[in-house]
Amino acid sequence: MGIGLKGIAQAKHKLQRTLSARYGTVSANISSDVPKGHFAVYVGETQKKRFVIPISYLNHPLFQDLLNRAEEEFGFDHPTGGLTIPCTEDYFIGLTSALSCS
């Protein structure tokens, strides 16, 4: 259990660094349309589509790999103003479907 919580804490810290680098601080206005316990990401190769997903996904190693790839590709200054995941929409939907079943 401790390992899982550590993974969530690290992923949450990355997400906070991403948002604070873009906005200075995370305000309530930015996430007002995102339900508690969820966060928004942008996915797609050419046109970005917004997805709202549970924070529990942050603990999964496959999702953490996507976060690491996002950090490598975009750093902490994302072009959409939010967390951008560098993968196809189909891959992301397949991944989130698998995570929701586990």
PDB file of N, CA and C in Angstrom:
ATOM      1  N   MET A   1       0.823  -1.199   0.000  1.00  0.00           N
ATOM      2  CA  MET A   1       0.000   0.000   0.000  1.00  0.00           C
ATOM      3  C   MET A   1       0.867   1.262   0.000  1.00  0.00           C
ATOM      4  N   GLY A   2       1.973   1.234   0.747  1.00  0.00           N
ATOM      5  CA  GLY A   2       2.857   2.392   0.802  1.00  0.00           C
ATOM      6  C   GLY A   2       3.457   2.722  -0.546  1.00  0.00           C
ATOM      7  N   ILE A   3       3.784   1.698  -1.327  1.00  0.00           N
ATOM      8  CA  ILE A   3       4.360   1.919  -2.652  1.00  0.00           C
ATOM      9  C   ILE A   3       3.332   2.590  -3.550  1.00  0.00           C
ATOM     10  N   GLY A   4       2.086   2.142  -3.493  1.00  0.00           N
ATOM     11  CA  GLY A   4       1.032   2.741  -4.305  1.00  0.00           C
ATOM     12  C   GLY A   4       0.811   4.201  -3.966  1.00  0.00           C
ATOM     13  N   LEU A   5       0.806   4.513  -2.695  1.00  0.00           N
ATOM     14  CA  LEU A   5       0.617   5.905  -2.282  1.00  0.00           C
ATOM     15  C   LEU A   5       1.802   6.761  -2.697  1.00  0.00           C
ATOM     16  N   LYS A   6       3.004   6.190  -2.678  1.00  0.00           N
ATOM     17  CA  LYS A   6       4.176   6.940  -3.104  1.00  0.00           C
ATOM     18  C   LYS A   6       4.076   7.276  -4.589  1.00  0.00           C
ATOM     19  N   GLY A   7       3.605   6.312  -5.399  1.00  0.00           N
ATOM     20  CA  GLY A   7       3.436   6.556  -6.829  1.00  0.00           C
ATOM     21  C   GLY A   7       2.427   7.641  -7.108  1.00  0.00           C
ATOM     22  N   ILE A   8       1.318   7.635  -6.376  1.00  0.00           N
ATOM     23  CA  ILE A   8       0.305   8.683  -6.539  1.00  0.00           C
ATOM     24  C   ILE A   8       0.878  10.031  -6.133  1.00  0.00           C
ATOM     25  N   ALA A   9       1.617  10.057  -5.033  1.00  0.00           N
ATOM     26  CA  ALA A   9       2.200  11.315  -4.563  1.00  0.00           C
ATOM     27  C   ALA A   9       3.173  11.881  -5.595  1.00  0.00           C
ATOM     28  N   GLN A  10       3.987  11.024  -6.211  1.00  0.00           N
ATOM     29  CA  GLN A  10       4.932  11.487  -7.225  1.00  0.00           C
ATOM     30  C   GLN A  10       4.203  11.995  -8.462  1.00  0.00           C
ATOM     31  N   ALA A  11       3.196  11.274  -8.909  1.00  0.00           N
ATOM     32  CA  ALA A  11       2.440  11.692 -10.089  1.00  0.00           C
ATOM     33  C   ALA A  11       1.691  12.989  -9.810  1.00  0.00           C
ATOM     34  N   LYS A  12       1.120  13.108  -8.614  1.00  0.00           N
ATOM     35  CA  LYS A  12       0.408  14.327  -8.244  1.00  0.00           C
ATOM     36  C   LYS A  12       1.370  15.511  -8.216  1.00  0.00           C
ATOM     37  N   HIS A  13       2.582  15.271  -7.710  1.00  0.00           N
ATOM     38  CA  HIS A  13       3.582  16.335  -7.664  1.00  0.00           C
ATOM     39  C   HIS A  13       3.943  16.794  -9.076  1.00  0.00           C
ATOM     40  N   LYS A  14       4.104  15.843 -10.019  1.00  0.00           N
ATOM     41  CA  LYS A  14       4.382  16.203 -11.412  1.00  0.00           C
ATOM     42  C   LYS A  14       3.253  17.038 -11.992  1.00  0.00           C
ATOM     43  N   LEU A  15       2.026  16.613 -11.725  1.00  0.00           N
ATOM     44  CA  LEU A  15       0.867  17.338 -12.236  1.00  0.00           C
ATOM     45  C   LEU A  15       0.815  18.753 -11.658  1.00  0.00           C
ATOM     46  N   GLN A  16       1.091  18.892 -10.373  1.00  0.00           N
ATOM     47  CA  GLN A  16       1.088  20.220  -9.756  1.00  0.00           C
ATOM     48  C   GLN A  16       2.186  21.099 -10.344  1.00  0.00           C
ATOM     49  N   ARG A  17       3.378  20.518 -10.595  1.00  0.00           N
ATOM     50  CA  ARG A  17       4.460  21.297 -11.200  1.00  0.00           C
ATOM     51  C   ARG A  17       4.071  21.747 -12.598  1.00  0.00           C
ATOM     52  N   THR A  18       3.404  20.878 -13.336  1.00  0.00           N
ATOM     53  CA  THR A  18       2.971  21.213 -14.684  1.00  0.00           C
ATOM     54  C   THR A  18       2.003  22.393 -14.661  1.00  0.00           C
ATOM     55  N   LEU A  19       1.002  22.303 -13.808  1.00  0.00           N
ATOM     56  CA  LEU A  19      -0.008  23.362 -13.755  1.00  0.00           C
ATOM     57  C   LEU A  19       0.554  24.656 -13.185  1.00  0.00           C
ATOM     58  N   SER A  20       1.402  24.558 -12.155  1.00  0.00           N
ATOM     59  CA  SER A  20       1.936  25.777 -11.563  1.00  0.00           C
ATOM     60  C   SER A  20       2.927  26.454 -12.497  1.00  0.00           C
ATOM     61  N   ALA A  21       3.641  25.680 -13.327  1.00  0.00           N
ATOM     62  CA  ALA A  21       4.545  26.280 -14.299  1.00  0.00           C
ATOM     63  C   ALA A  21       3.762  27.077 -15.342  1.00  0.00           C
ATOM     64  N   ARG A  22       2.583  26.608 -15.649  1.00  0.00           N
ATOM     65  CA  ARG A  22       1.764  27.277 -16.660  1.00  0.00           C
ATOM     66  C   ARG A  22       0.997  28.466 -16.082  1.00  0.00           C
ATOM     67  N   TYR A  23       0.443  28.313 -14.887  1.00  0.00           N
ATOM     68  CA  TYR A  23      -0.453  29.330 -14.337  1.00  0.00           C
ATOM     69  C   TYR A  23       0.092  30.058 -13.115  1.00  0.00           C
ATOM     70  N   GLY A  24       1.244  29.698 -12.631  1.00  0.00           N
ATOM     71  CA  GLY A  24       1.767  30.296 -11.412  1.00  0.00           C
ATOM     72  C   GLY A  24       1.243  29.546 -10.209  1.00  0.00           C
ATOM     73  N   THR A  25      -0.045  29.493 -10.061  1.00  0.00           N
ATOM     74  CA  THR A  25      -0.695  28.681  -9.030  1.00  0.00           C
ATOM     75  C   THR A  25      -1.934  28.065  -9.637  1.00  0.00           C
ATOM     76  N   VAL A  26      -2.384  26.987  -9.073  1.00  0.00           N
ATOM     77  CA  VAL A  26      -3.595  26.345  -9.566  1.00  0.00           C
ATOM     78  C   VAL A  26      -4.784  27.019  -8.912  1.00  0.00           C
ATOM     79  N   SER A  27      -5.642  27.617  -9.713  1.00  0.00           N
ATOM     80  CA  SER A  27      -6.796  28.309  -9.151  1.00  0.00           C
ATOM     81  C   SER A  27      -8.042  27.458  -9.260  1.00  0.00           C
ATOM     82  N   ALA A  28      -9.049  27.800  -8.499  1.00  0.00           N
ATOM     83  CA  ALA A  28     -10.313  27.067  -8.522  1.00  0.00           C
ATOM     84  C   ALA A  28     -11.024  27.239  -9.861  1.00  0.00           C
ATOM     85  N   ASN A  29     -10.791  28.356 -10.541  1.00  0.00           N
ATOM     86  CA  ASN A  29     -11.453  28.600 -11.816  1.00  0.00           C
ATOM     87  C   ASN A  29     -11.014  27.621 -12.893  1.00  0.00           C
ATOM     88  N   ILE A  30      -9.758  27.203 -12.860  1.00  0.00           N
ATOM     89  CA  ILE A  30      -9.226  26.309 -13.880  1.00  0.00           C
ATOM     90  C   ILE A  30      -9.930  24.967 -13.823  1.00  0.00           C
ATOM     91  N   SER A  31     -10.149  24.450 -12.633  1.00  0.00           N
ATOM     92  CA  SER A  31     -10.691  23.100 -12.504  1.00  0.00           C
ATOM     93  C   SER A  31     -12.151  23.084 -12.072  1.00  0.00           C
ATOM     94  N   SER A  32     -12.874  24.169 -12.278  1.00  0.00           N
ATOM     95  CA  SER A  32     -14.254  24.235 -11.810  1.00  0.00           C
ATOM     96  C   SER A  32     -15.170  23.239 -12.516  1.00  0.00           C
ATOM     97  N   ASP A  33     -14.819  22.828 -13.735  1.00  0.00           N
ATOM     98  CA  ASP A  33     -15.662  21.877 -14.452  1.00  0.00           C
ATOM     99  C   ASP A  33     -15.146  20.444 -14.346  1.00  0.00           C
ATOM    100  N   VAL A  34     -14.171  20.213 -13.487  1.00  0.00           N
ATOM    101  CA  VAL A  34     -13.627  18.877 -13.273  1.00  0.00           C
ATOM    102  C   VAL A  34     -14.104  18.392 -11.910  1.00  0.00           C
ATOM    103  N   PRO A  35     -14.782  17.244 -11.866  1.00  0.00           N
ATOM    104  CA  PRO A  35     -15.289  16.743 -10.581  1.00  0.00           C
ATOM    105  C   PRO A  35     -14.158  16.418  -9.610  1.00  0.00           C
ATOM    106  N   LYS A  36     -14.473  16.492  -8.346  1.00  0.00           N
ATOM    107  CA  LYS A  36     -13.498  16.155  -7.316  1.00  0.00           C
ATOM    108  C   LYS A  36     -13.026  14.718  -7.532  1.00  0.00           C
ATOM    109  N   GLY A  37     -11.722  14.494  -7.380  1.00  0.00           N
ATOM    110  CA  GLY A  37     -11.158  13.173  -7.574  1.00  0.00           C
ATOM    111  C   GLY A  37     -10.817  12.863  -9.017  1.00  0.00           C
ATOM    112  N   HIS A  38     -10.880  13.861  -9.882  1.00  0.00           N
ATOM    113  CA  HIS A  38     -10.577  13.701 -11.308  1.00  0.00           C
ATOM    114  C   HIS A  38      -9.644  14.820 -11.757  1.00  0.00           C
ATOM    115  N   PHE A  39      -9.068  14.662 -12.955  1.00  0.00           N
ATOM    116  CA  PHE A  39      -8.295  15.742 -13.553  1.00  0.00           C
ATOM    117  C   PHE A  39      -8.417  15.654 -15.065  1.00  0.00           C
ATOM    118  N   ALA A  40      -8.127  16.751 -15.726  1.00  0.00           N
ATOM    119  CA  ALA A  40      -8.279  16.832 -17.175  1.00  0.00           C
ATOM    120  C   ALA A  40      -6.925  16.654 -17.856  1.00  0.00           C
ATOM    121  N   VAL A  41      -6.938  15.935 -18.972  1.00  0.00           N
ATOM    122  CA  VAL A  41      -5.763  15.787 -19.810  1.00  0.00           C
ATOM    123  C   VAL A  41      -6.177  16.021 -21.259  1.00  0.00           C
ATOM    124  N   TYR A  42      -5.206  16.383 -22.077  1.00  0.00           N
ATOM    125  CA  TYR A  42      -5.429  16.575 -23.500  1.00  0.00           C
ATOM    126  C   TYR A  42      -4.652  15.503 -24.244  1.00  0.00           C
ATOM    127  N   VAL A  43      -5.321  14.847 -25.182  1.00  0.00           N
ATOM    128  CA  VAL A  43      -4.750  13.697 -25.879  1.00  0.00           C
ATOM    129  C   VAL A  43      -4.964  13.857 -27.376  1.00  0.00           C
ATOM    130  N   GLY A  44      -3.989  13.429 -28.150  1.00  0.00           N
ATOM    131  CA  GLY A  44      -4.116  13.438 -29.601  1.00  0.00           C
ATOM    132  C   GLY A  44      -2.832  13.878 -30.250  1.00  0.00           C
ATOM    133  N   GLU A  45      -2.662  13.476 -31.493  1.00  0.00           N
ATOM    134  CA  GLU A  45      -1.434  13.817 -32.195  1.00  0.00           C
ATOM    135  C   GLU A  45      -1.520  15.169 -32.899  1.00  0.00           C
ATOM    136  N   THR A  46      -2.608  15.424 -33.604  1.00  0.00           N
ATOM    137  CA  THR A  46      -2.745  16.720 -34.282  1.00  0.00           C
ATOM    138  C   THR A  46      -3.759  17.596 -33.561  1.00  0.00           C
ATOM    139  N   GLN A  47      -4.976  17.115 -33.454  1.00  0.00           N
ATOM    140  CA  GLN A  47      -5.997  17.856 -32.729  1.00  0.00           C
ATOM    141  C   GLN A  47      -6.148  17.233 -31.348  1.00  0.00           C
ATOM    142  N   LYS A  48      -6.049  18.051 -30.319  1.00  0.00           N
ATOM    143  CA  LYS A  48      -6.106  17.567 -28.942  1.00  0.00           C
ATOM    144  C   LYS A  48      -7.546  17.479 -28.463  1.00  0.00           C
ATOM    145  N   LYS A  49      -7.874  16.350 -27.830  1.00  0.00           N
ATOM    146  CA  LYS A  49      -9.191  16.151 -27.246  1.00  0.00           C
ATOM    147  C   LYS A  49      -9.036  16.091 -25.732  1.00  0.00           C
ATOM    148  N   ARG A  50      -9.951  16.705 -25.025  1.00  0.00           N
ATOM    149  CA  ARG A  50      -9.894  16.775 -23.568  1.00  0.00           C
ATOM    150  C   ARG A  50     -10.634  15.587 -22.957  1.00  0.00           C
ATOM    151  N   PHE A  51      -9.974  14.940 -21.989  1.00  0.00           N
ATOM    152  CA  PHE A  51     -10.567  13.845 -21.229  1.00  0.00           C
ATOM    153  C   PHE A  51     -10.477  14.182 -19.750  1.00  0.00           C
ATOM    154  N   VAL A  52     -11.509  13.833 -19.000  1.00  0.00           N
ATOM    155  CA  VAL A  52     -11.495  13.978 -17.539  1.00  0.00           C
ATOM    156  C   VAL A  52     -11.445  12.566 -16.983  1.00  0.00           C
ATOM    157  N   ILE A  53     -10.385  12.291 -16.217  1.00  0.00           N
ATOM    158  CA  ILE A  53     -10.151  10.927 -15.745  1.00  0.00           C
ATOM    159  C   ILE A  53      -9.929  10.915 -14.235  1.00  0.00           C
ATOM    160  N   PRO A  54     -10.168   9.782 -13.584  1.00  0.00           N
ATOM    161  CA  PRO A  54      -9.975   9.683 -12.131  1.00  0.00           C
ATOM    162  C   PRO A  54      -8.498   9.771 -11.746  1.00  0.00           C
ATOM    163  N   ILE A  55      -8.224  10.379 -10.609  1.00  0.00           N
ATOM    164  CA  ILE A  55      -6.837  10.480 -10.158  1.00  0.00           C
ATOM    165  C   ILE A  55      -6.262   9.119  -9.788  1.00  0.00           C
ATOM    166  N   SER A  56      -7.107   8.129  -9.580  1.00  0.00           N
ATOM    167  CA  SER A  56      -6.606   6.785  -9.260  1.00  0.00           C
ATOM    168  C   SER A  56      -5.738   6.237 -10.387  1.00  0.00           C
ATOM    169  N   TYR A  57      -5.906   6.721 -11.621  1.00  0.00           N
ATOM    170  CA  TYR A  57      -5.082   6.271 -12.741  1.00  0.00           C
ATOM    171  C   TYR A  57      -3.620   6.670 -12.559  1.00  0.00           C
ATOM    172  N   LEU A  58      -3.367   7.689 -11.759  1.00  0.00           N
ATOM    173  CA  LEU A  58      -1.998   8.143 -11.538  1.00  0.00           C
ATOM    174  C   LEU A  58      -1.122   7.068 -10.904  1.00  0.00           C
ATOM    175  N   ASN A  59      -1.731   6.124 -10.242  1.00  0.00           N
ATOM    176  CA  ASN A  59      -0.983   5.079  -9.552  1.00  0.00           C
ATOM    177  C   ASN A  59      -0.569   3.937 -10.472  1.00  0.00           C
ATOM    178  N   HIS A  60      -1.150   3.838 -11.647  1.00  0.00           N
ATOM    179  CA  HIS A  60      -0.881   2.720 -12.540  1.00  0.00           C
ATOM    180  C   HIS A  60       0.421   2.950 -13.325  1.00  0.00           C
ATOM    181  N   PRO A  61       1.293   1.926 -13.396  1.00  0.00           N
ATOM    182  CA  PRO A  61       2.580   2.089 -14.090  1.00  0.00           C
ATOM    183  C   PRO A  61       2.458   2.502 -15.558  1.00  0.00           C
ATOM    184  N   LEU A  62       1.452   2.011 -16.276  1.00  0.00           N
ATOM    185  CA  LEU A  62       1.291   2.415 -17.677  1.00  0.00           C
ATOM    186  C   LEU A  62       0.954   3.897 -17.796  1.00  0.00           C
ATOM    187  N   PHE A  63       0.133   4.390 -16.874  1.00  0.00           N
ATOM    188  CA  PHE A  63      -0.207   5.817 -16.917  1.00  0.00           C
ATOM    189  C   PHE A  63       0.994   6.657 -16.485  1.00  0.00           C
ATOM    190  N   GLN A  64       1.756   6.166 -15.524  1.00  0.00           N
ATOM    191  CA  GLN A  64       2.960   6.881 -15.104  1.00  0.00           C
ATOM    192  C   GLN A  64       3.964   6.972 -16.248  1.00  0.00           C
ATOM    193  N   ASP A  65       4.018   5.935 -17.089  1.00  0.00           N
ATOM    194  CA  ASP A  65       4.870   5.971 -18.274  1.00  0.00           C
ATOM    195  C   ASP A  65       4.424   7.088 -19.217  1.00  0.00           C
ATOM    196  N   LEU A  66       3.122   7.231 -19.397  1.00  0.00           N
ATOM    197  CA  LEU A  66       2.612   8.329 -20.237  1.00  0.00           C
ATOM    198  C   LEU A  66       2.990   9.687 -19.656  1.00  0.00           C
ATOM    199  N   LEU A  67       2.919   9.820 -18.336  1.00  0.00           N
ATOM    200  CA  LEU A  67       3.302  11.086 -17.703  1.00  0.00           C
ATOM    201  C   LEU A  67       4.779  11.387 -17.924  1.00  0.00           C
ATOM    202  N   ASN A  68       5.613  10.364 -17.833  1.00  0.00           N
ATOM    203  CA  ASN A  68       7.045  10.562 -18.080  1.00  0.00           C
ATOM    204  C   ASN A  68       7.298  10.968 -19.525  1.00  0.00           C
ATOM    205  N   ARG A  69       6.577  10.346 -20.458  1.00  0.00           N
ATOM    206  CA  ARG A  69       6.716  10.729 -21.865  1.00  0.00           C
ATOM    207  C   ARG A  69       6.243  12.161 -22.092  1.00  0.00           C
ATOM    208  N   ALA A  70       5.176  12.559 -21.407  1.00  0.00           N
ATOM    209  CA  ALA A  70       4.676  13.931 -21.530  1.00  0.00           C
ATOM    210  C   ALA A  70       5.716  14.920 -21.019  1.00  0.00           C
ATOM    211  N   GLU A  71       6.358  14.580 -19.898  1.00  0.00           N
ATOM    212  CA  GLU A  71       7.395  15.453 -19.338  1.00  0.00           C
ATOM    213  C   GLU A  71       8.569  15.573 -20.301  1.00  0.00           C
ATOM    214  N   GLU A  72       8.985  14.451 -20.901  1.00  0.00           N
ATOM    215  CA  GLU A  72      10.102  14.477 -21.841  1.00  0.00           C
ATOM    216  C   GLU A  72       9.776  15.292 -23.090  1.00  0.00           C
ATOM    217  N   GLU A  73       8.555  15.153 -23.589  1.00  0.00           N
ATOM    218  CA  GLU A  73       8.194  15.813 -24.843  1.00  0.00           C
ATOM    219  C   GLU A  73       7.850  17.287 -24.661  1.00  0.00           C
ATOM    220  N   PHE A  74       7.098  17.606 -23.610  1.00  0.00           N
ATOM    221  CA  PHE A  74       6.598  18.971 -23.448  1.00  0.00           C
ATOM    222  C   PHE A  74       7.229  19.729 -22.292  1.00  0.00           C
ATOM    223  N   GLY A  75       7.945  19.041 -21.405  1.00  0.00           N
ATOM    224  CA  GLY A  75       8.430  19.707 -20.210  1.00  0.00           C
ATOM    225  C   GLY A  75       7.249  20.087 -19.343  1.00  0.00           C
ATOM    226  N   PHE A  76       7.305  21.250 -18.755  1.00  0.00           N
ATOM    227  CA  PHE A  76       6.213  21.696 -17.898  1.00  0.00           C
ATOM    228  C   PHE A  76       5.502  22.912 -18.471  1.00  0.00           C
ATOM    229  N   ASP A  77       5.655  23.156 -19.764  1.00  0.00           N
ATOM    230  CA  ASP A  77       4.967  24.251 -20.440  1.00  0.00           C
ATOM    231  C   ASP A  77       4.165  23.647 -21.592  1.00  0.00           C
ATOM    232  N   HIS A  78       2.986  23.170 -21.285  1.00  0.00           N
ATOM    233  CA  HIS A  78       2.169  22.477 -22.274  1.00  0.00           C
ATOM    234  C   HIS A  78       1.468  23.471 -23.187  1.00  0.00           C
ATOM    235  N   PRO A  79       1.415  23.178 -24.487  1.00  0.00           N
ATOM    236  CA  PRO A  79       0.818  24.112 -25.444  1.00  0.00           C
ATOM    237  C   PRO A  79      -0.672  24.345 -25.233  1.00  0.00           C
ATOM    238  N   THR A  80      -1.387  23.399 -24.650  1.00  0.00           N
ATOM    239  CA  THR A  80      -2.822  23.570 -24.461  1.00  0.00           C
ATOM    240  C   THR A  80      -3.155  24.260 -23.146  1.00  0.00           C
ATOM    241  N   GLY A  81      -2.163  24.469 -22.306  1.00  0.00           N
ATOM    242  CA  GLY A  81      -2.422  25.066 -21.005  1.00  0.00           C
ATOM    243  C   GLY A  81      -2.783  24.033 -19.957  1.00  0.00           C
ATOM    244  N   GLY A  82      -2.842  22.788 -20.332  1.00  0.00           N
ATOM    245  CA  GLY A  82      -3.133  21.704 -19.406  1.00  0.00           C
ATOM    246  C   GLY A  82      -2.180  20.571 -19.666  1.00  0.00           C
ATOM    247  N   LEU A  83      -2.387  19.487 -18.999  1.00  0.00           N
ATOM    248  CA  LEU A  83      -1.527  18.331 -19.168  1.00  0.00           C
ATOM    249  C   LEU A  83      -1.814  17.667 -20.509  1.00  0.00           C
ATOM    250  N   THR A  84      -0.814  17.598 -21.380  1.00  0.00           N
ATOM    251  CA  THR A  84      -0.952  16.997 -22.693  1.00  0.00           C
ATOM    252  C   THR A  84      -0.247  15.653 -22.688  1.00  0.00           C
ATOM    253  N   ILE A  85      -0.954  14.611 -23.107  1.00  0.00           N
ATOM    254  CA  ILE A  85      -0.409  13.266 -23.149  1.00  0.00           C
ATOM    255  C   ILE A  85      -0.025  12.950 -24.598  1.00  0.00           C
ATOM    256  N   PRO A  86       1.247  12.607 -24.856  1.00  0.00           N
ATOM    257  CA  PRO A  86       1.701  12.368 -26.227  1.00  0.00           C
ATOM    258  C   PRO A  86       1.423  10.945 -26.708  1.00  0.00           C
ATOM    259  N   CYS A  87       0.181  10.685 -27.077  1.00  0.00           N
ATOM    260  CA  CYS A  87      -0.200   9.394 -27.652  1.00  0.00           C
ATOM    261  C   CYS A  87      -1.440   9.605 -28.497  1.00  0.00           C
ATOM    262  N   THR A  88      -1.811   8.574 -29.242  1.00  0.00           N
ATOM    263  CA  THR A  88      -3.015   8.684 -30.051  1.00  0.00           C
ATOM    264  C   THR A  88      -4.245   8.592 -29.151  1.00  0.00           C
ATOM    265  N   GLU A  89      -5.320   9.133 -29.638  1.00  0.00           N
ATOM    266  CA  GLU A  89      -6.577   9.080 -28.899  1.00  0.00           C
ATOM    267  C   GLU A  89      -7.039   7.633 -28.713  1.00  0.00           C
ATOM    268  N   ASP A  90      -6.870   6.819 -29.738  1.00  0.00           N
ATOM    269  CA  ASP A  90      -7.264   5.404 -29.651  1.00  0.00           C
ATOM    270  C   ASP A  90      -6.479   4.664 -28.572  1.00  0.00           C
ATOM    271  N   TYR A  91      -5.161   4.900 -28.508  1.00  0.00           N
ATOM    272  CA  TYR A  91      -4.345   4.261 -27.480  1.00  0.00           C
ATOM    273  C   TYR A  91      -4.812   4.687 -26.089  1.00  0.00           C
ATOM    274  N   PHE A  92      -5.065   5.984 -25.918  1.00  0.00           N
ATOM    275  CA  PHE A  92      -5.478   6.503 -24.616  1.00  0.00           C
ATOM    276  C   PHE A  92      -6.825   5.914 -24.194  1.00  0.00           C
ATOM    277  N   ILE A  93      -7.756   5.833 -25.117  1.00  0.00           N
ATOM    278  CA  ILE A  93      -9.067   5.257 -24.797  1.00  0.00           C
ATOM    279  C   ILE A  93      -8.920   3.783 -24.415  1.00  0.00           C
ATOM    280  N   GLY A  94      -8.083   3.062 -25.148  1.00  0.00           N
ATOM    281  CA  GLY A  94      -7.838   1.657 -24.810  1.00  0.00           C
ATOM    282  C   GLY A  94      -7.201   1.508 -23.433  1.00  0.00           C
ATOM    283  N   LEU A  95      -6.238   2.365 -23.137  1.00  0.00           N
ATOM    284  CA  LEU A  95      -5.566   2.316 -21.838  1.00  0.00           C
ATOM    285  C   LEU A  95      -6.536   2.626 -20.703  1.00  0.00           C
ATOM    286  N   THR A  96      -7.311   3.693 -20.845  1.00  0.00           N
ATOM    287  CA  THR A  96      -8.245   4.064 -19.787  1.00  0.00           C
ATOM    288  C   THR A  96      -9.355   3.038 -19.631  1.00  0.00           C
ATOM    289  N   SER A  97      -9.742   2.398 -20.726  1.00  0.00           N
ATOM    290  CA  SER A  97     -10.741   1.320 -20.626  1.00  0.00           C
ATOM    291  C   SER A  97     -10.178   0.152 -19.833  1.00  0.00           C
ATOM    292  N   ALA A  98      -8.935  -0.205 -20.095  1.00  0.00           N
ATOM    293  CA  ALA A  98      -8.308  -1.291 -19.357  1.00  0.00           C
ATOM    294  C   ALA A  98      -8.139  -0.919 -17.876  1.00  0.00           C
ATOM    295  N   LEU A  99      -7.775   0.324 -17.603  1.00  0.00           N
ATOM    296  CA  LEU A  99      -7.600   0.756 -16.216  1.00  0.00           C
ATOM    297  C   LEU A  99      -8.921   0.778 -15.458  1.00  0.00           C
ATOM    298  N   SER A 100      -9.992   1.117 -16.143  1.00  0.00           N
ATOM    299  CA  SER A 100     -11.293   1.178 -15.465  1.00  0.00           C
ATOM    300  C   SER A 100     -11.812  -0.212 -15.113  1.00  0.00           C
ATOM    301  N   CYS A 101     -11.349  -1.234 -15.855  1.00  0.00           N
ATOM    302  CA  CYS A 101     -11.766  -2.618 -15.593  1.00  0.00           C
ATOM    303  C   CYS A 101     -10.937  -3.274 -14.492  1.00  0.00           C
ATOM    304  N   SER A 102      -9.749  -2.729 -14.238  1.00  0.00           N
ATOM    305  CA  SER A 102      -8.871  -3.379 -13.251  1.00  0.00           C
ATOM    306  C   SER A 102      -9.113  -2.878 -11.854  1.00  0.00           C
TER     307      SER A 102
END
